[in-house]
Amino acid sequence: MHAVVEVLATPPAGLDTQGLADWLRGFFAPLFLVTVSVVALFFLFAREITRFVQFLAIAIGVGLVFYFPGLIEVLARGVAGALGVPG
């Protein structure tokens, strides 16, 4: 009985947030790619090249942040180092 109380009293070691993030990324990645493709094709067929290029630039930026989430931290450290901010 004493061992059961100890097991129930100890909290879990930690949540597996990386597993959840990988699962969500795997779930939403195809939806993101399909949405970007459909909108890009719409702009191309409508012959709105300026909007197509703008959308493509934004989609690439969002895709980079989505597929490589550590990229924001690396860029922020690089900008801070270039500006001379210690950290």
PDB file of N, CA and C in Angstrom:
ATOM      1  N   MET A   1       0.823  -1.190   0.000  1.00  0.00           N
ATOM      2  CA  MET A   1       0.000   0.000   0.000  1.00  0.00           C
ATOM      3  C   MET A   1       0.866   1.252   0.000  1.00  0.00           C
ATOM      4  N   HIS A   2       1.954   1.197   0.741  1.00  0.00           N
ATOM      5  CA  HIS A   2       2.848   2.360   0.837  1.00  0.00           C
ATOM      6  C   HIS A   2       3.457   2.696  -0.530  1.00  0.00           C
ATOM      7  N   ALA A   3       3.817   1.705  -1.336  1.00  0.00           N
ATOM      8  CA  ALA A   3       4.408   1.930  -2.657  1.00  0.00           C
ATOM      9  C   ALA A   3       3.404   2.569  -3.604  1.00  0.00           C
ATOM     10  N   VAL A   4       2.141   2.202  -3.480  1.00  0.00           N
ATOM     11  CA  VAL A   4       1.102   2.777  -4.330  1.00  0.00           C
ATOM     12  C   VAL A   4       0.929   4.254  -4.027  1.00  0.00           C
ATOM     13  N   VAL A   5       0.983   4.620  -2.773  1.00  0.00           N
ATOM     14  CA  VAL A   5       0.839   6.024  -2.374  1.00  0.00           C
ATOM     15  C   VAL A   5       2.009   6.840  -2.909  1.00  0.00           C
ATOM     16  N   GLU A   6       3.226   6.279  -2.868  1.00  0.00           N
ATOM     17  CA  GLU A   6       4.381   7.004  -3.385  1.00  0.00           C
ATOM     18  C   GLU A   6       4.272   7.223  -4.891  1.00  0.00           C
ATOM     19  N   VAL A   7       3.812   6.234  -5.612  1.00  0.00           N
ATOM     20  CA  VAL A   7       3.676   6.364  -7.059  1.00  0.00           C
ATOM     21  C   VAL A   7       2.623   7.397  -7.408  1.00  0.00           C
ATOM     22  N   LEU A   8       1.520   7.392  -6.694  1.00  0.00           N
ATOM     23  CA  LEU A   8       0.464   8.354  -6.967  1.00  0.00           C
ATOM     24  C   LEU A   8       0.841   9.759  -6.516  1.00  0.00           C
ATOM     25  N   ALA A   9       1.705   9.876  -5.507  1.00  0.00           N
ATOM     26  CA  ALA A   9       2.075  11.179  -4.974  1.00  0.00           C
ATOM     27  C   ALA A   9       3.120  11.891  -5.823  1.00  0.00           C
ATOM     28  N   THR A  10       3.903  11.150  -6.604  1.00  0.00           N
ATOM     29  CA  THR A  10       4.947  11.785  -7.397  1.00  0.00           C
ATOM     30  C   THR A  10       4.370  12.277  -8.720  1.00  0.00           C
ATOM     31  N   PRO A  11       4.630  13.525  -9.058  1.00  0.00           N
ATOM     32  CA  PRO A  11       4.130  14.047 -10.334  1.00  0.00           C
ATOM     33  C   PRO A  11       4.926  13.437 -11.492  1.00  0.00           C
ATOM     34  N   PRO A  12       4.358  13.488 -12.670  1.00  0.00           N
ATOM     35  CA  PRO A  12       5.104  12.963 -13.822  1.00  0.00           C
ATOM     36  C   PRO A  12       6.393  13.756 -14.036  1.00  0.00           C
ATOM     37  N   ALA A  13       7.379  13.097 -14.626  1.00  0.00           N
ATOM     38  CA  ALA A  13       8.697  13.714 -14.808  1.00  0.00           C
ATOM     39  C   ALA A  13       8.617  14.961 -15.675  1.00  0.00           C
ATOM     40  N   GLY A  14       7.790  14.961 -16.670  1.00  0.00           N
ATOM     41  CA  GLY A  14       7.655  16.122 -17.539  1.00  0.00           C
ATOM     42  C   GLY A  14       6.759  15.797 -18.709  1.00  0.00           C
ATOM     43  N   LEU A  15       6.173  16.796 -19.257  1.00  0.00           N
ATOM     44  CA  LEU A  15       5.315  16.608 -20.418  1.00  0.00           C
ATOM     45  C   LEU A  15       6.162  16.513 -21.672  1.00  0.00           C
ATOM     46  N   ASP A  16       5.714  15.715 -22.610  1.00  0.00           N
ATOM     47  CA  ASP A  16       6.429  15.555 -23.873  1.00  0.00           C
ATOM     48  C   ASP A  16       5.908  16.586 -24.877  1.00  0.00           C
ATOM     49  N   THR A  17       6.330  17.840 -24.699  1.00  0.00           N
ATOM     50  CA  THR A  17       5.845  18.891 -25.590  1.00  0.00           C
ATOM     51  C   THR A  17       6.467  18.791 -26.976  1.00  0.00           C
ATOM     52  N   GLN A  18       7.662  18.233 -27.075  1.00  0.00           N
ATOM     53  CA  GLN A  18       8.289  18.072 -28.387  1.00  0.00           C
ATOM     54  C   GLN A  18       7.499  17.073 -29.228  1.00  0.00           C
ATOM     55  N   GLY A  19       7.015  16.012 -28.591  1.00  0.00           N
ATOM     56  CA  GLY A  19       6.192  15.041 -29.314  1.00  0.00           C
ATOM     57  C   GLY A  19       4.902  15.671 -29.805  1.00  0.00           C
ATOM     58  N   LEU A  20       4.291  16.507 -28.980  1.00  0.00           N
ATOM     59  CA  LEU A  20       3.069  17.199 -29.386  1.00  0.00           C
ATOM     60  C   LEU A  20       3.350  18.169 -30.520  1.00  0.00           C
ATOM     61  N   ALA A  21       4.442  18.903 -30.438  1.00  0.00           N
ATOM     62  CA  ALA A  21       4.794  19.849 -31.499  1.00  0.00           C
ATOM     63  C   ALA A  21       5.064  19.116 -32.809  1.00  0.00           C
ATOM     64  N   ASP A  22       5.752  17.984 -32.738  1.00  0.00           N
ATOM     65  CA  ASP A  22       6.007  17.203 -33.956  1.00  0.00           C
ATOM     66  C   ASP A  22       4.708  16.675 -34.557  1.00  0.00           C
ATOM     67  N   TRP A  23       3.797  16.224 -33.704  1.00  0.00           N
ATOM     68  CA  TRP A  23       2.519  15.708 -34.200  1.00  0.00           C
ATOM     69  C   TRP A  23       1.706  16.816 -34.862  1.00  0.00           C
ATOM     70  N   LEU A  24       1.635  17.995 -34.219  1.00  0.00           N
ATOM     71  CA  LEU A  24       0.897  19.118 -34.800  1.00  0.00           C
ATOM     72  C   LEU A  24       1.525  19.572 -36.113  1.00  0.00           C
ATOM     73  N   ARG A  25       2.859  19.607 -36.151  1.00  0.00           N
ATOM     74  CA  ARG A  25       3.543  19.995 -37.378  1.00  0.00           C
ATOM     75  C   ARG A  25       3.249  18.995 -38.490  1.00  0.00           C
ATOM     76  N   GLY A  26       3.249  17.710 -38.156  1.00  0.00           N
ATOM     77  CA  GLY A  26       2.936  16.689 -39.143  1.00  0.00           C
ATOM     78  C   GLY A  26       1.497  16.732 -39.601  1.00  0.00           C
ATOM     79  N   PHE A  27       0.598  17.195 -38.736  1.00  0.00           N
ATOM     80  CA  PHE A  27      -0.817  17.283 -39.089  1.00  0.00           C
ATOM     81  C   PHE A  27      -1.103  18.502 -39.956  1.00  0.00           C
ATOM     82  N   PHE A  28      -0.533  19.648 -39.603  1.00  0.00           N
ATOM     83  CA  PHE A  28      -0.851  20.889 -40.309  1.00  0.00           C
ATOM     84  C   PHE A  28       0.038  21.155 -41.521  1.00  0.00           C
ATOM     85  N   ALA A  29       1.150  20.471 -41.642  1.00  0.00           N
ATOM     86  CA  ALA A  29       2.050  20.703 -42.777  1.00  0.00           C
ATOM     87  C   ALA A  29       1.378  20.451 -44.120  1.00  0.00           C
ATOM     88  N   PRO A  30       0.691  19.331 -44.324  1.00  0.00           N
ATOM     89  CA  PRO A  30       0.020  19.141 -45.615  1.00  0.00           C
ATOM     90  C   PRO A  30      -1.081  20.173 -45.871  1.00  0.00           C
ATOM     91  N   LEU A  31      -1.812  20.559 -44.826  1.00  0.00           N
ATOM     92  CA  LEU A  31      -2.849  21.578 -44.997  1.00  0.00           C
ATOM     93  C   LEU A  31      -2.239  22.916 -45.405  1.00  0.00           C
ATOM     94  N   PHE A  32      -1.119  23.252 -44.813  1.00  0.00           N
ATOM     95  CA  PHE A  32      -0.427  24.493 -45.159  1.00  0.00           C
ATOM     96  C   PHE A  32       0.026  24.476 -46.617  1.00  0.00           C
ATOM     97  N   LEU A  33       0.629  23.369 -47.033  1.00  0.00           N
ATOM     98  CA  LEU A  33       1.115  23.278 -48.406  1.00  0.00           C
ATOM     99  C   LEU A  33      -0.018  23.312 -49.421  1.00  0.00           C
ATOM    100  N   VAL A  34      -1.122  22.649 -49.139  1.00  0.00           N
ATOM    101  CA  VAL A  34      -2.269  22.663 -50.059  1.00  0.00           C
ATOM    102  C   VAL A  34      -2.861  24.058 -50.150  1.00  0.00           C
ATOM    103  N   THR A  35      -3.002  24.730 -49.021  1.00  0.00           N
ATOM    104  CA  THR A  35      -3.565  26.081 -49.021  1.00  0.00           C
ATOM    105  C   THR A  35      -2.674  27.042 -49.807  1.00  0.00           C
ATOM    106  N   VAL A  36      -1.371  26.980 -49.572  1.00  0.00           N
ATOM    107  CA  VAL A  36      -0.440  27.846 -50.304  1.00  0.00           C
ATOM    108  C   VAL A  36      -0.512  27.552 -51.804  1.00  0.00           C
ATOM    109  N   SER A  37      -0.578  26.301 -52.168  1.00  0.00           N
ATOM    110  CA  SER A  37      -0.626  25.934 -53.586  1.00  0.00           C
ATOM    111  C   SER A  37      -1.891  26.447 -54.260  1.00  0.00           C
ATOM    112  N   VAL A  38      -3.032  26.291 -53.615  1.00  0.00           N
ATOM    113  CA  VAL A  38      -4.298  26.732 -54.208  1.00  0.00           C
ATOM    114  C   VAL A  38      -4.322  28.245 -54.377  1.00  0.00           C
ATOM    115  N   VAL A  39      -3.901  28.963 -53.352  1.00  0.00           N
ATOM    116  CA  VAL A  39      -3.906  30.430 -53.440  1.00  0.00           C
ATOM    117  C   VAL A  39      -2.904  30.907 -54.494  1.00  0.00           C
ATOM    118  N   ALA A  40      -1.741  30.281 -54.556  1.00  0.00           N
ATOM    119  CA  ALA A  40      -0.745  30.667 -55.559  1.00  0.00           C
ATOM    120  C   ALA A  40      -1.264  30.412 -56.972  1.00  0.00           C
ATOM    121  N   LEU A  41      -1.912  29.280 -57.185  1.00  0.00           N
ATOM    122  CA  LEU A  41      -2.487  28.998 -58.505  1.00  0.00           C
ATOM    123  C   LEU A  41      -3.577  29.997 -58.862  1.00  0.00           C
ATOM    124  N   PHE A  42      -4.375  30.397 -57.873  1.00  0.00           N
ATOM    125  CA  PHE A  42      -5.408  31.403 -58.131  1.00  0.00           C
ATOM    126  C   PHE A  42      -4.784  32.707 -58.612  1.00  0.00           C
ATOM    127  N   PHE A  43      -3.722  33.154 -57.939  1.00  0.00           N
ATOM    128  CA  PHE A  43      -3.070  34.394 -58.351  1.00  0.00           C
ATOM    129  C   PHE A  43      -2.442  34.264 -59.734  1.00  0.00           C
ATOM    130  N   LEU A  44      -1.884  33.101 -60.032  1.00  0.00           N
ATOM    131  CA  LEU A  44      -1.278  32.919 -61.348  1.00  0.00           C
ATOM    132  C   LEU A  44      -2.317  32.922 -62.448  1.00  0.00           C
ATOM    133  N   PHE A  45      -3.422  32.216 -62.255  1.00  0.00           N
ATOM    134  CA  PHE A  45      -4.462  32.163 -63.286  1.00  0.00           C
ATOM    135  C   PHE A  45      -5.185  33.491 -63.435  1.00  0.00           C
ATOM    136  N   ALA A  46      -5.233  34.277 -62.362  1.00  0.00           N
ATOM    137  CA  ALA A  46      -5.853  35.598 -62.435  1.00  0.00           C
ATOM    138  C   ALA A  46      -4.886  36.631 -62.997  1.00  0.00           C
ATOM    139  N   ARG A  47      -3.676  36.196 -63.299  1.00  0.00           N
ATOM    140  CA  ARG A  47      -2.621  37.057 -63.850  1.00  0.00           C
ATOM    141  C   ARG A  47      -2.316  38.249 -62.950  1.00  0.00           C
ATOM    142  N   GLU A  48      -2.330  38.019 -61.669  1.00  0.00           N
ATOM    143  CA  GLU A  48      -1.962  39.040 -60.689  1.00  0.00           C
ATOM    144  C   GLU A  48      -0.565  38.697 -60.184  1.00  0.00           C
ATOM    145  N   ILE A  49       0.418  39.026 -60.986  1.00  0.00           N
ATOM    146  CA  ILE A  49       1.792  38.623 -60.707  1.00  0.00           C
ATOM    147  C   ILE A  49       2.335  39.316 -59.451  1.00  0.00           C
ATOM    148  N   THR A  50       1.987  40.584 -59.262  1.00  0.00           N
ATOM    149  CA  THR A  50       2.481  41.317 -58.091  1.00  0.00           C
ATOM    150  C   THR A  50       1.967  40.677 -56.804  1.00  0.00           C
ATOM    151  N   ARG A  51       0.689  40.375 -56.762  1.00  0.00           N
ATOM    152  CA  ARG A  51       0.124  39.732 -55.576  1.00  0.00           C
ATOM    153  C   ARG A  51       0.679  38.319 -55.403  1.00  0.00           C
ATOM    154  N   PHE A  52       0.938  37.635 -56.514  1.00  0.00           N
ATOM    155  CA  PHE A  52       1.520  36.303 -56.453  1.00  0.00           C
ATOM    156  C   PHE A  52       2.896  36.355 -55.794  1.00  0.00           C
ATOM    157  N   VAL A  53       3.718  37.308 -56.200  1.00  0.00           N
ATOM    158  CA  VAL A  53       5.070  37.430 -55.637  1.00  0.00           C
ATOM    159  C   VAL A  53       4.997  37.817 -54.161  1.00  0.00           C
ATOM    160  N   GLN A  54       4.091  38.732 -53.817  1.00  0.00           N
ATOM    161  CA  GLN A  54       3.925  39.115 -52.422  1.00  0.00           C
ATOM    162  C   GLN A  54       3.483  37.922 -51.579  1.00  0.00           C
ATOM    163  N   PHE A  55       2.499  37.184 -52.086  1.00  0.00           N
ATOM    164  CA  PHE A  55       2.003  36.021 -51.357  1.00  0.00           C
ATOM    165  C   PHE A  55       3.085  34.964 -51.212  1.00  0.00           C
ATOM    166  N   LEU A  56       3.850  34.761 -52.255  1.00  0.00           N
ATOM    167  CA  LEU A  56       4.917  33.765 -52.216  1.00  0.00           C
ATOM    168  C   LEU A  56       5.977  34.132 -51.173  1.00  0.00           C
ATOM    169  N   ALA A  57       6.329  35.416 -51.097  1.00  0.00           N
ATOM    170  CA  ALA A  57       7.314  35.856 -50.106  1.00  0.00           C
ATOM    171  C   ALA A  57       6.796  35.639 -48.683  1.00  0.00           C
ATOM    172  N   ILE A  58       5.536  35.979 -48.446  1.00  0.00           N
ATOM    173  CA  ILE A  58       4.952  35.780 -47.120  1.00  0.00           C
ATOM    174  C   ILE A  58       4.842  34.293 -46.801  1.00  0.00           C
ATOM    175  N   ALA A  59       4.434  33.486 -47.780  1.00  0.00           N
ATOM    176  CA  ALA A  59       4.289  32.047 -47.562  1.00  0.00           C
ATOM    177  C   ALA A  59       5.642  31.397 -47.251  1.00  0.00           C
ATOM    178  N   ILE A  60       6.681  31.843 -47.907  1.00  0.00           N
ATOM    179  CA  ILE A  60       8.021  31.305 -47.618  1.00  0.00           C
ATOM    180  C   ILE A  60       8.439  31.678 -46.200  1.00  0.00           C
ATOM    181  N   GLY A  61       8.186  32.907 -45.796  1.00  0.00           N
ATOM    182  CA  GLY A  61       8.516  33.328 -44.438  1.00  0.00           C
ATOM    183  C   GLY A  61       7.761  32.529 -43.382  1.00  0.00           C
ATOM    184  N   VAL A  62       6.457  32.365 -43.582  1.00  0.00           N
ATOM    185  CA  VAL A  62       5.654  31.591 -42.638  1.00  0.00           C
ATOM    186  C   VAL A  62       6.093  30.129 -42.647  1.00  0.00           C
ATOM    187  N   GLY A  63       6.389  29.592 -43.816  1.00  0.00           N
ATOM    188  CA  GLY A  63       6.835  28.205 -43.912  1.00  0.00           C
ATOM    189  C   GLY A  63       8.148  27.967 -43.207  1.00  0.00           C
ATOM    190  N   LEU A  64       9.073  28.908 -43.311  1.00  0.00           N
ATOM    191  CA  LEU A  64      10.357  28.765 -42.612  1.00  0.00           C
ATOM    192  C   LEU A  64      10.165  28.755 -41.099  1.00  0.00           C
ATOM    193  N   VAL A  65       9.313  29.634 -40.602  1.00  0.00           N
ATOM    194  CA  VAL A  65       9.053  29.668 -39.168  1.00  0.00           C
ATOM    195  C   VAL A  65       8.315  28.400 -38.743  1.00  0.00           C
ATOM    196  N   PHE A  66       7.418  27.909 -39.587  1.00  0.00           N
ATOM    197  CA  PHE A  66       6.633  26.720 -39.262  1.00  0.00           C
ATOM    198  C   PHE A  66       7.488  25.456 -39.253  1.00  0.00           C
ATOM    199  N   TYR A  67       8.322  25.283 -40.262  1.00  0.00           N
ATOM    200  CA  TYR A  67       9.110  24.065 -40.379  1.00  0.00           C
ATOM    201  C   TYR A  67      10.398  24.100 -39.555  1.00  0.00           C
ATOM    202  N   PHE A  68      10.930  25.300 -39.290  1.00  0.00           N
ATOM    203  CA  PHE A  68      12.157  25.441 -38.510  1.00  0.00           C
ATOM    204  C   PHE A  68      11.916  26.433 -37.377  1.00  0.00           C
ATOM    205  N   PRO A  69      11.250  26.018 -36.301  1.00  0.00           N
ATOM    206  CA  PRO A  69      10.885  26.974 -35.242  1.00  0.00           C
ATOM    207  C   PRO A  69      12.080  27.564 -34.506  1.00  0.00           C
ATOM    208  N   GLY A  70      13.234  26.918 -34.506  1.00  0.00           N
ATOM    209  CA  GLY A  70      14.415  27.462 -33.846  1.00  0.00           C
ATOM    210  C   GLY A  70      15.058  28.591 -34.626  1.00  0.00           C
ATOM    211  N   LEU A  71      14.593  28.823 -35.840  1.00  0.00           N
ATOM    212  CA  LEU A  71      15.163  29.850 -36.702  1.00  0.00           C
ATOM    213  C   LEU A  71      14.982  31.251 -36.120  1.00  0.00           C
ATOM    214  N   ILE A  72      13.891  31.497 -35.438  1.00  0.00           N
ATOM    215  CA  ILE A  72      13.635  32.821 -34.865  1.00  0.00           C
ATOM    216  C   ILE A  72      14.687  33.149 -33.810  1.00  0.00           C
ATOM    217  N   GLU A  73      14.997  32.175 -32.965  1.00  0.00           N
ATOM    218  CA  GLU A  73      16.001  32.411 -31.922  1.00  0.00           C
ATOM    219  C   GLU A  73      17.375  32.664 -32.534  1.00  0.00           C
ATOM    220  N   VAL A  74      17.735  31.916 -33.543  1.00  0.00           N
ATOM    221  CA  VAL A  74      19.038  32.095 -34.194  1.00  0.00           C
ATOM    222  C   VAL A  74      19.119  33.475 -34.842  1.00  0.00           C
ATOM    223  N   LEU A  75      18.055  33.872 -35.545  1.00  0.00           N
ATOM    224  CA  LEU A  75      18.050  35.197 -36.174  1.00  0.00           C
ATOM    225  C   LEU A  75      18.088  36.314 -35.135  1.00  0.00           C
ATOM    226  N   ALA A  76      17.359  36.155 -34.048  1.00  0.00           N
ATOM    227  CA  ALA A  76      17.347  37.192 -33.008  1.00  0.00           C
ATOM    228  C   ALA A  76      18.718  37.347 -32.374  1.00  0.00           C
ATOM    229  N   ARG A  77      19.398  36.210 -32.119  1.00  0.00           N
ATOM    230  CA  ARG A  77      20.752  36.297 -31.567  1.00  0.00           C
ATOM    231  C   ARG A  77      21.724  36.937 -32.558  1.00  0.00           C
ATOM    232  N   GLY A  78      21.566  36.628 -33.828  1.00  0.00           N
ATOM    233  CA  GLY A  78      22.428  37.223 -34.847  1.00  0.00           C
ATOM    234  C   GLY A  78      22.233  38.713 -34.965  1.00  0.00           C
ATOM    235  N   VAL A  79      20.977  39.155 -34.966  1.00  0.00           N
ATOM    236  CA  VAL A  79      20.681  40.596 -35.046  1.00  0.00           C
ATOM    237  C   VAL A  79      21.193  41.299 -33.796  1.00  0.00           C
ATOM    238  N   ALA A  80      20.976  40.689 -32.634  1.00  0.00           N
ATOM    239  CA  ALA A  80      21.445  41.307 -31.388  1.00  0.00           C
ATOM    240  C   ALA A  80      22.968  41.386 -31.388  1.00  0.00           C
ATOM    241  N   GLY A  81      23.641  40.369 -31.880  1.00  0.00           N
ATOM    242  CA  GLY A  81      25.099  40.416 -31.944  1.00  0.00           C
ATOM    243  C   GLY A  81      25.591  41.470 -32.919  1.00  0.00           C
ATOM    244  N   ALA A  82      24.886  41.623 -34.038  1.00  0.00           N
ATOM    245  CA  ALA A  82      25.264  42.637 -35.021  1.00  0.00           C
ATOM    246  C   ALA A  82      25.060  44.046 -34.494  1.00  0.00           C
ATOM    247  N   LEU A  83      24.076  44.215 -33.629  1.00  0.00           N
ATOM    248  CA  LEU A  83      23.814  45.521 -33.056  1.00  0.00           C
ATOM    249  C   LEU A  83      24.664  45.799 -31.819  1.00  0.00           C
ATOM    250  N   GLY A  84      25.412  44.795 -31.370  1.00  0.00           N
ATOM    251  CA  GLY A  84      26.281  44.977 -30.209  1.00  0.00           C
ATOM    252  C   GLY A  84      25.588  44.787 -28.887  1.00  0.00           C
ATOM    253  N   VAL A  85      24.408  44.176 -28.887  1.00  0.00           N
ATOM    254  CA  VAL A  85      23.683  43.933 -27.647  1.00  0.00           C
ATOM    255  C   VAL A  85      24.252  42.662 -27.014  1.00  0.00           C
ATOM    256  N   PRO A  86      24.713  42.752 -25.774  1.00  0.00           N
ATOM    257  CA  PRO A  86      25.245  41.541 -25.132  1.00  0.00           C
ATOM    258  C   PRO A  86      24.123  40.551 -24.826  1.00  0.00           C
ATOM    259  N   GLY A  87      24.447  39.290 -24.888  1.00  0.00           N
ATOM    260  CA  GLY A  87      23.412  38.333 -24.537  1.00  0.00           C
ATOM    261  C   GLY A  87      23.667  37.066 -25.173  1.00  0.00           C
TER     262      GLY A  87
END
